[in-house]
Amino acid sequence: MKKGIHPENYRLVAFKDMSNDDIFITKSTVETKETITHEGVEYPVYKMEISRTSHPFYTGKSKLIDTAGRIDKFKNKYAKFSK
């Protein structure tokens, strides 16, 4: 292995899926500002919108995530063409 090209700051980080509040712990170099206590241990936390526990490909379930009313905006915008 070449010296000096790999990061030195590997540490345990909690990754939190915000859509279903699932938390998993793994080593990472991701920069975080917040911490979370999980099973009595404090970890830096990285918040995600989707992970393997909520993604339809892994769960086998279709899930519609409507952020900021995009579907309603689309329906209102193109409602005049449906006449």
C-alpha atoms as a PDB file:
ATOM      1  CA  MET A   1       0.000   0.000   0.000  1.00  0.00           C
ATOM      2  CA  LYS A   2       1.185   3.517  -0.752  1.00  0.00           C
ATOM      3  CA  LYS A   3       1.874   5.667   2.266  1.00  0.00           C
ATOM      4  CA  GLY A   4       0.209   9.047   2.762  1.00  0.00           C
ATOM      5  CA  ILE A   5      -2.816   8.573   0.472  1.00  0.00           C
ATOM      6  CA  HIS A   6      -5.289   7.040   2.928  1.00  0.00           C
ATOM      7  CA  PRO A   7      -7.233   9.115   5.490  1.00  0.00           C
ATOM      8  CA  GLU A   8      -6.122   8.824   9.106  1.00  0.00           C
ATOM      9  CA  ASN A   9      -9.342   9.894  10.843  1.00  0.00           C
ATOM     10  CA  TYR A  10     -11.437   6.690  10.663  1.00  0.00           C
ATOM     11  CA  ARG A  11     -13.812   6.479  13.612  1.00  0.00           C
ATOM     12  CA  LEU A  12     -17.173   4.923  14.497  1.00  0.00           C
ATOM     13  CA  VAL A  13     -20.049   7.049  13.181  1.00  0.00           C
ATOM     14  CA  ALA A  14     -23.816   6.598  13.594  1.00  0.00           C
ATOM     15  CA  PHE A  15     -25.748   6.915  10.342  1.00  0.00           C
ATOM     16  CA  LYS A  16     -29.413   7.814  10.962  1.00  0.00           C
ATOM     17  CA  ASP A  17     -32.144   7.295   8.362  1.00  0.00           C
ATOM     18  CA  MET A  18     -34.524  10.225   8.911  1.00  0.00           C
ATOM     19  CA  SER A  19     -37.458   8.553   7.115  1.00  0.00           C
ATOM     20  CA  ASN A  20     -37.729   5.646   9.584  1.00  0.00           C
ATOM     21  CA  ASP A  21     -35.292   6.575  12.407  1.00  0.00           C
ATOM     22  CA  ASP A  22     -33.112   3.509  11.812  1.00  0.00           C
ATOM     23  CA  ILE A  23     -29.534   3.877  13.095  1.00  0.00           C
ATOM     24  CA  PHE A  24     -26.496   1.847  12.121  1.00  0.00           C
ATOM     25  CA  ILE A  25     -22.899   2.196  13.255  1.00  0.00           C
ATOM     26  CA  THR A  26     -19.883   1.884  10.959  1.00  0.00           C
ATOM     27  CA  LYS A  27     -16.392   3.295  10.552  1.00  0.00           C
ATOM     28  CA  SER A  28     -16.215   6.434   8.442  1.00  0.00           C
ATOM     29  CA  THR A  29     -14.299   9.650   7.825  1.00  0.00           C
ATOM     30  CA  VAL A  30     -17.447  11.727   7.196  1.00  0.00           C
ATOM     31  CA  GLU A  31     -17.437  15.191   8.789  1.00  0.00           C
ATOM     32  CA  THR A  32     -20.184  15.672  11.400  1.00  0.00           C
ATOM     33  CA  LYS A  33     -21.171  18.406  13.840  1.00  0.00           C
ATOM     34  CA  GLU A  34     -23.827  16.585  15.869  1.00  0.00           C
ATOM     35  CA  THR A  35     -23.657  13.608  18.210  1.00  0.00           C
ATOM     36  CA  ILE A  36     -26.187  10.983  19.255  1.00  0.00           C
ATOM     37  CA  THR A  37     -26.299   8.447  22.090  1.00  0.00           C
ATOM     38  CA  HIS A  38     -27.026   4.927  20.836  1.00  0.00           C
ATOM     39  CA  GLU A  39     -27.113   1.975  23.239  1.00  0.00           C
ATOM     40  CA  GLY A  40     -25.388   4.048  25.918  1.00  0.00           C
ATOM     41  CA  VAL A  41     -22.466   5.187  23.738  1.00  0.00           C
ATOM     42  CA  GLU A  42     -22.110   8.646  22.194  1.00  0.00           C
ATOM     43  CA  TYR A  43     -21.280   8.746  18.464  1.00  0.00           C
ATOM     44  CA  PRO A  44     -20.980  11.471  15.845  1.00  0.00           C
ATOM     45  CA  VAL A  45     -24.164  11.274  13.734  1.00  0.00           C
ATOM     46  CA  TYR A  46     -24.672  11.663   9.985  1.00  0.00           C
ATOM     47  CA  LYS A  47     -28.323  12.118   8.953  1.00  0.00           C
ATOM     48  CA  MET A  48     -29.561  10.598   5.686  1.00  0.00           C
ATOM     49  CA  GLU A  49     -32.923  10.843   3.942  1.00  0.00           C
ATOM     50  CA  ILE A  50     -32.868   7.275   2.647  1.00  0.00           C
ATOM     51  CA  SER A  51     -30.858   4.135   3.408  1.00  0.00           C
ATOM     52  CA  ARG A  52     -31.008   0.385   2.853  1.00  0.00           C
ATOM     53  CA  THR A  53     -33.810   0.082   5.435  1.00  0.00           C
ATOM     54  CA  SER A  54     -36.124   2.494   3.610  1.00  0.00           C
ATOM     55  CA  HIS A  55     -35.121   2.298  -0.073  1.00  0.00           C
ATOM     56  CA  PRO A  56     -37.773   0.521  -2.202  1.00  0.00           C
ATOM     57  CA  PHE A  57     -35.151  -1.589  -3.997  1.00  0.00           C
ATOM     58  CA  TYR A  58     -34.060  -3.223  -0.737  1.00  0.00           C
ATOM     59  CA  THR A  59     -37.432  -3.316   1.033  1.00  0.00           C
ATOM     60  CA  GLY A  60     -39.497  -4.501  -1.945  1.00  0.00           C
ATOM     61  CA  LYS A  61     -42.157  -1.914  -1.153  1.00  0.00           C
ATOM     62  CA  SER A  62     -43.063   1.080  -3.262  1.00  0.00           C
ATOM     63  CA  LYS A  63     -43.080   4.220  -1.185  1.00  0.00           C
ATOM     64  CA  LEU A  64     -44.100   7.636  -2.468  1.00  0.00           C
ATOM     65  CA  ILE A  65     -42.103  10.443  -0.915  1.00  0.00           C
ATOM     66  CA  ASP A  66     -43.687  13.800  -1.696  1.00  0.00           C
ATOM     67  CA  THR A  67     -41.278  16.548  -0.720  1.00  0.00           C
ATOM     68  CA  ALA A  68     -42.553  20.115  -0.832  1.00  0.00           C
ATOM     69  CA  GLY A  69     -45.838  19.116  -2.513  1.00  0.00           C
ATOM     70  CA  ARG A  70     -44.264  18.367  -5.904  1.00  0.00           C
ATOM     71  CA  ILE A  71     -47.087  16.059  -6.955  1.00  0.00           C
ATOM     72  CA  ASP A  72     -49.726  18.662  -6.082  1.00  0.00           C
ATOM     73  CA  LYS A  73     -47.805  21.342  -7.982  1.00  0.00           C
ATOM     74  CA  PHE A  74     -47.609  19.080 -11.030  1.00  0.00           C
ATOM     75  CA  LYS A  75     -51.328  18.233 -10.920  1.00  0.00           C
ATOM     76  CA  ASN A  76     -52.326  21.887 -10.550  1.00  0.00           C
ATOM     77  CA  LYS A  77     -50.000  22.990 -13.348  1.00  0.00           C
ATOM     78  CA  TYR A  78     -51.291  20.438 -15.871  1.00  0.00           C
ATOM     79  CA  ALA A  79     -54.942  20.299 -14.763  1.00  0.00           C
ATOM     80  CA  LYS A  80     -55.909  22.765 -17.507  1.00  0.00           C
ATOM     81  CA  PHE A  81     -54.758  20.309 -20.206  1.00  0.00           C
ATOM     82  CA  SER A  82     -56.994  17.469 -18.981  1.00  0.00           C
ATOM     83  CA  LYS A  83     -60.212  19.191 -20.199  1.00  0.00           C
END
